């Protein structure tokens, strides 16, 4: 099924400057489309946060080459509301914190990020 869905793009992708990167972005678009078809906010008044992107798998064995996550989607949805694009939050230097020196980093940074947005209770 994935091969059939990907097939119409193969020729154009193979002619790009970096076919592997182009294929990766095309695969992300296919995954995103599938995800958005099944998103459901009919669960009450709560919010649904969608985070998606590409995992960059780098060589093992050297801390300089840790895997990375390239975020391509960060949005909040709520039933009856227009989705809110939050990608700018990831690149806004004024709200970024160094998790290596943050006093709460040891207790689960990912939970705290959503707590300061008042989307989940603090730990």
Foldseek 3Di string as FASTA:
>chain_A
DVCVVCVVCQVVLVPDPDSVVSSQVVVQVVVVVVVVVPDDQPPPFAKDWDWDFDWAQFDPDDPVTHIDGDTDFTWMDHPPDDIGGPPVVVVPPVPDDDLVPDPCSVVPVVQVVCVVVVRDPDD
